[in-house]
Amino acid sequence: MSLDGGVRLLRGAVRSVVKRDTASGLALVLGSVCLVVTMVLHPTAGGMEGLVRESALRVRTHALALIAIPVTFLGFLGLHRRLAEKSEFARPALVAYAFACAAGVCAGVINGLAAPAFAMRIARESASADAARVVLAYSFELNSAFAKVFMAGAAASLVLWAVAILKTRAFHPGFGWLGGGLGGAGLVAVLGGWLGTSVHEFGVFVLGFAGWTAAVGAGLLRAQAPSHPGTGTLE
């Protein structure tokens, strides 16, 4: 291969890395914004009456969350590709978040789509209120369980991403220390039972997770083209 051909190949590889980082950064930022908007607009009314009254808003907010989950996963997939060459922690970080995504989707479907549809049907058919309350109580427990799994998985992924970032130095160390602190505190709080799944408690967790995720996404968007594919530092 001639020198000119090698240079062109290298430039093409660099452009490919930059495009990938840009797309991944956008996915992380947009997905994080959608998660925050979901929690800001999330209905707070409970019970059968509240589900019926706020069913439309509940469906819209959870639909937004269901869109945000795969979008953020795509962003983290790009982050994994950037870090995987130099850190063995990138893969388990992606697996932990994939596990969290599966639980998050289940929670969103139960609380945002199934529960309001069930409540509306009960209201139309004037079915037994006692039986309906039992079903709703069961769905609430299912949603709470899946939400806890999401929180634990997402917190664990933050810790693993943080270790990968600190090891590869692909980002400013502050990203790693902040992610490790948030993830570690969240994991201890969830597993220790100090952080529940009420709207406000879950909202606090999502705010911390989304804030760090958006910051990493912004870091990817600010990244300069590295001199060699897959290298470079985001500061």
Protein backbone atom coordinates (compact mmCIF):
# COMPACT_ATOMS: atom_id res chain seq x y z
CA MET A 1 0.00 0.00 0.00
CA SER A 2 1.31 3.46 -0.91
CA LEU A 3 1.83 6.18 1.68
CA ASP A 4 -1.06 8.21 0.24
CA GLY A 5 -3.33 5.19 0.39
CA GLY A 6 -2.41 4.57 4.02
CA VAL A 7 -3.09 8.19 4.92
CA ARG A 8 -6.50 8.09 3.22
CA LEU A 9 -7.36 4.85 5.04
CA LEU A 10 -6.34 6.37 8.37
CA ARG A 11 -8.36 9.52 7.74
CA GLY A 12 -11.40 7.44 6.85
CA ALA A 13 -11.06 5.42 10.04
CA VAL A 14 -10.73 8.61 12.11
CA ARG A 15 -13.82 10.12 10.49
CA SER A 16 -15.73 6.91 11.24
CA VAL A 17 -14.75 7.08 14.92
CA VAL A 18 -15.74 10.75 15.15
CA LYS A 19 -19.12 10.07 13.52
CA ARG A 20 -19.73 7.16 15.88
CA ASP A 21 -18.86 9.27 18.93
CA THR A 22 -21.13 12.07 17.70
CA ALA A 23 -24.08 9.73 17.19
CA SER A 24 -23.49 8.06 20.55
CA GLY A 25 -23.20 11.41 22.30
CA LEU A 26 -26.45 12.63 20.78
CA ALA A 27 -28.20 9.41 21.82
CA LEU A 28 -27.03 9.75 25.42
CA VAL A 29 -28.03 13.41 25.66
CA LEU A 30 -31.44 13.00 23.99
CA GLY A 31 -32.25 9.83 25.92
CA SER A 32 -31.34 11.53 29.20
CA VAL A 33 -33.51 14.54 28.42
CA CYS A 34 -36.45 12.23 27.67
CA LEU A 35 -35.98 10.43 31.00
CA VAL A 36 -35.95 13.71 32.93
CA VAL A 37 -39.03 15.01 31.08
CA THR A 38 -40.79 11.73 31.89
CA MET A 39 -40.20 12.20 35.61
CA VAL A 40 -41.12 15.91 35.56
CA LEU A 41 -44.48 15.15 33.90
CA HIS A 42 -45.07 11.82 35.67
CA PRO A 43 -48.59 11.63 37.22
CA THR A 44 -48.70 11.42 40.99
CA ALA A 45 -52.34 10.45 41.56
CA GLY A 46 -52.93 6.92 42.80
CA GLY A 47 -55.88 4.58 43.04
CA MET A 48 -58.49 3.68 40.46
CA GLU A 49 -59.83 7.21 40.16
CA GLY A 50 -56.40 8.68 39.64
CA LEU A 51 -55.52 6.14 36.97
CA VAL A 52 -58.70 6.90 35.05
CA ARG A 53 -58.34 10.68 35.42
CA GLU A 54 -54.68 10.80 34.36
CA SER A 55 -54.61 7.82 32.00
CA ALA A 56 -53.72 9.84 28.89
CA LEU A 57 -50.84 11.65 30.60
CA ARG A 58 -49.61 8.41 32.14
CA VAL A 59 -49.50 6.71 28.74
CA ARG A 60 -47.67 9.63 27.09
CA THR A 61 -45.01 9.97 29.79
CA HIS A 62 -44.27 6.26 29.92
CA ALA A 63 -44.21 6.03 26.13
CA LEU A 64 -41.51 8.71 26.22
CA ALA A 65 -39.56 6.65 28.76
CA LEU A 66 -39.92 3.54 26.61
CA ILE A 67 -38.38 5.50 23.72
CA ALA A 68 -35.59 6.86 25.92
CA ILE A 69 -34.43 3.44 27.13
CA PRO A 70 -33.29 2.01 23.76
CA VAL A 71 -31.94 5.41 22.71
CA THR A 72 -29.67 5.57 25.76
CA PHE A 73 -28.66 1.96 25.19
CA LEU A 74 -27.49 2.86 21.69
CA GLY A 75 -25.46 5.67 23.20
CA PHE A 76 -23.88 3.36 25.76
CA LEU A 77 -23.14 0.88 22.98
CA GLY A 78 -21.03 3.56 21.33
CA LEU A 79 -19.34 4.33 24.64
CA HIS A 80 -18.57 0.62 25.03
CA ARG A 81 -16.92 0.54 21.62
CA ARG A 82 -14.75 3.49 22.57
CA LEU A 83 -13.60 1.99 25.88
CA ALA A 84 -13.59 -1.77 25.22
CA GLU A 85 -10.13 -1.96 23.65
CA LYS A 86 -8.40 -0.70 26.78
CA SER A 87 -10.71 -1.82 29.57
CA GLU A 88 -12.33 -5.16 30.35
CA PHE A 89 -14.93 -3.30 32.45
CA ALA A 90 -16.70 -1.79 29.42
CA ARG A 91 -18.43 -5.04 28.48
CA PRO A 92 -19.90 -5.83 31.93
CA ALA A 93 -20.97 -2.17 32.16
CA LEU A 94 -22.96 -2.56 28.94
CA VAL A 95 -24.40 -5.90 30.11
CA ALA A 96 -25.47 -4.36 33.43
CA TYR A 97 -27.25 -1.53 31.63
CA ALA A 98 -28.90 -3.95 29.19
CA PHE A 99 -30.22 -5.86 32.21
CA ALA A 100 -31.50 -2.58 33.66
CA CYS A 101 -33.15 -1.71 30.33
CA ALA A 102 -35.08 -4.99 30.29
CA ALA A 103 -36.44 -4.29 33.78
CA GLY A 104 -37.16 -0.65 32.91
CA VAL A 105 -39.20 -1.63 29.87
CA CYS A 106 -41.24 -4.06 31.98
CA ALA A 107 -41.89 -1.39 34.62
CA GLY A 108 -42.87 1.18 32.00
CA VAL A 109 -45.28 -1.17 30.24
CA ILE A 110 -46.97 -2.26 33.47
CA ASN A 111 -47.31 1.18 35.04
CA GLY A 112 -47.75 3.28 31.92
CA LEU A 113 -49.71 1.11 29.51
CA ALA A 114 -51.31 -1.89 31.22
CA ALA A 115 -52.50 -0.26 34.47
CA PRO A 116 -54.29 2.72 32.84
CA ALA A 117 -55.88 0.45 30.21
CA PHE A 118 -57.11 -1.87 32.95
CA ALA A 119 -58.50 1.01 35.00
CA MET A 120 -60.34 2.46 31.99
CA ARG A 121 -61.85 -0.93 31.19
CA ILE A 122 -63.01 -1.43 34.78
CA ALA A 123 -64.58 2.04 34.75
CA ARG A 124 -66.45 1.33 31.51
CA GLU A 125 -67.72 -2.10 32.57
CA SER A 126 -68.53 -1.14 36.19
CA ALA A 127 -66.74 -4.26 37.42
CA SER A 128 -66.18 -5.11 41.06
CA ALA A 129 -64.10 -2.40 42.71
CA ASP A 130 -62.65 -4.84 45.25
CA ALA A 131 -61.39 -7.21 42.56
CA ALA A 132 -59.98 -4.28 40.61
CA ARG A 133 -58.06 -3.02 43.64
CA VAL A 134 -56.48 -6.45 44.12
CA VAL A 135 -55.29 -6.52 40.51
CA LEU A 136 -53.98 -2.96 40.71
CA ALA A 137 -52.18 -3.72 43.96
CA TYR A 138 -50.51 -6.69 42.29
CA SER A 139 -49.51 -4.58 39.27
CA PHE A 140 -48.09 -1.94 41.60
CA GLU A 141 -45.90 -4.55 43.31
CA LEU A 142 -44.73 -5.87 39.93
CA ASN A 143 -43.91 -2.35 38.77
CA SER A 144 -42.06 -1.63 42.01
CA ALA A 145 -40.02 -4.82 41.71
CA PHE A 146 -39.00 -4.09 38.12
CA ALA A 147 -38.20 -0.48 39.04
CA LYS A 148 -35.86 -1.68 41.80
CA VAL A 149 -34.10 -4.01 39.36
CA PHE A 150 -33.72 -1.12 36.92
CA MET A 151 -32.25 1.11 39.62
CA ALA A 152 -29.81 -1.55 40.82
CA GLY A 153 -28.72 -2.44 37.29
CA ALA A 154 -28.30 1.17 36.21
CA ALA A 155 -26.33 2.00 39.38
CA ALA A 156 -24.07 -1.01 38.87
CA SER A 157 -23.46 0.05 35.27
CA LEU A 158 -22.43 3.53 36.44
CA VAL A 159 -19.81 2.02 38.74
CA LEU A 160 -18.46 -0.17 35.94
CA TRP A 161 -18.44 2.69 33.40
CA ALA A 162 -16.61 4.79 35.95
CA VAL A 163 -13.90 2.16 36.42
CA ALA A 164 -13.54 1.79 32.64
CA ILE A 165 -13.24 5.57 32.20
CA LEU A 166 -10.63 5.91 34.94
CA LYS A 167 -8.64 2.98 33.55
CA THR A 168 -8.65 4.11 29.91
CA ARG A 169 -8.39 7.86 30.62
CA ALA A 170 -10.58 8.38 27.56
CA PHE A 171 -12.43 11.07 29.54
CA HIS A 172 -11.50 13.58 32.20
CA PRO A 173 -11.13 11.66 35.51
CA GLY A 174 -13.96 13.72 36.96
CA PHE A 175 -16.43 11.73 34.85
CA GLY A 176 -15.16 8.53 36.42
CA TRP A 177 -15.15 9.74 40.03
CA LEU A 178 -18.61 11.29 39.70
CA GLY A 179 -20.07 8.22 38.03
CA GLY A 180 -18.53 5.92 40.61
CA GLY A 181 -19.84 8.04 43.46
CA LEU A 182 -23.36 8.29 42.07
CA GLY A 183 -23.50 4.63 41.10
CA GLY A 184 -22.04 3.38 44.37
CA ALA A 185 -24.35 5.53 46.49
CA GLY A 186 -27.37 4.53 44.40
CA LEU A 187 -26.54 0.84 44.57
CA VAL A 188 -26.10 0.91 48.36
CA ALA A 189 -29.29 2.94 48.81
CA VAL A 190 -31.39 0.62 46.64
CA LEU A 191 -30.04 -2.66 47.99
CA GLY A 192 -30.13 -1.35 51.55
CA GLY A 193 -33.76 -0.30 51.26
CA TRP A 194 -33.08 3.40 51.83
CA LEU A 195 -34.24 4.42 48.36
CA GLY A 196 -37.71 3.31 47.33
CA THR A 197 -39.70 3.45 44.11
CA SER A 198 -42.17 6.24 44.84
CA VAL A 199 -42.40 8.89 42.12
CA HIS A 200 -40.19 11.32 44.03
CA GLU A 201 -37.58 8.77 45.12
CA PHE A 202 -37.37 7.23 41.67
CA GLY A 203 -37.20 10.73 40.22
CA VAL A 204 -34.16 11.57 42.36
CA PHE A 205 -32.40 8.44 41.10
CA VAL A 206 -33.28 9.16 37.46
CA LEU A 207 -32.10 12.76 37.80
CA GLY A 208 -28.67 11.65 39.01
CA PHE A 209 -28.36 8.91 36.41
CA ALA A 210 -29.58 11.09 33.54
CA GLY A 211 -27.36 14.00 34.59
CA TRP A 212 -24.22 11.86 34.47
CA THR A 213 -25.29 10.19 31.23
CA ALA A 214 -25.97 13.54 29.55
CA ALA A 215 -22.57 14.84 30.73
CA VAL A 216 -20.81 11.86 29.16
CA GLY A 217 -22.82 12.35 25.99
CA ALA A 218 -21.80 16.00 25.88
CA GLY A 219 -18.20 14.88 26.36
CA LEU A 220 -18.48 12.63 23.32
CA LEU A 221 -19.94 15.50 21.30
CA ARG A 222 -17.02 17.75 22.27
CA ALA A 223 -14.46 15.10 21.40
CA GLN A 224 -11.76 16.08 18.95
CA ALA A 225 -10.70 13.70 16.22
CA PRO A 226 -7.97 11.45 17.68
CA SER A 227 -4.64 11.00 15.96
CA HIS A 228 -5.25 7.25 15.83
CA PRO A 229 -8.60 5.47 15.74
CA GLY A 230 -9.93 4.60 19.19
CA THR A 231 -7.54 6.85 21.10
CA GLY A 232 -7.75 10.34 22.50
CA THR A 233 -8.85 12.02 25.69
CA LEU A 234 -12.06 13.95 26.32
CA GLU A 235 -11.43 16.77 28.74
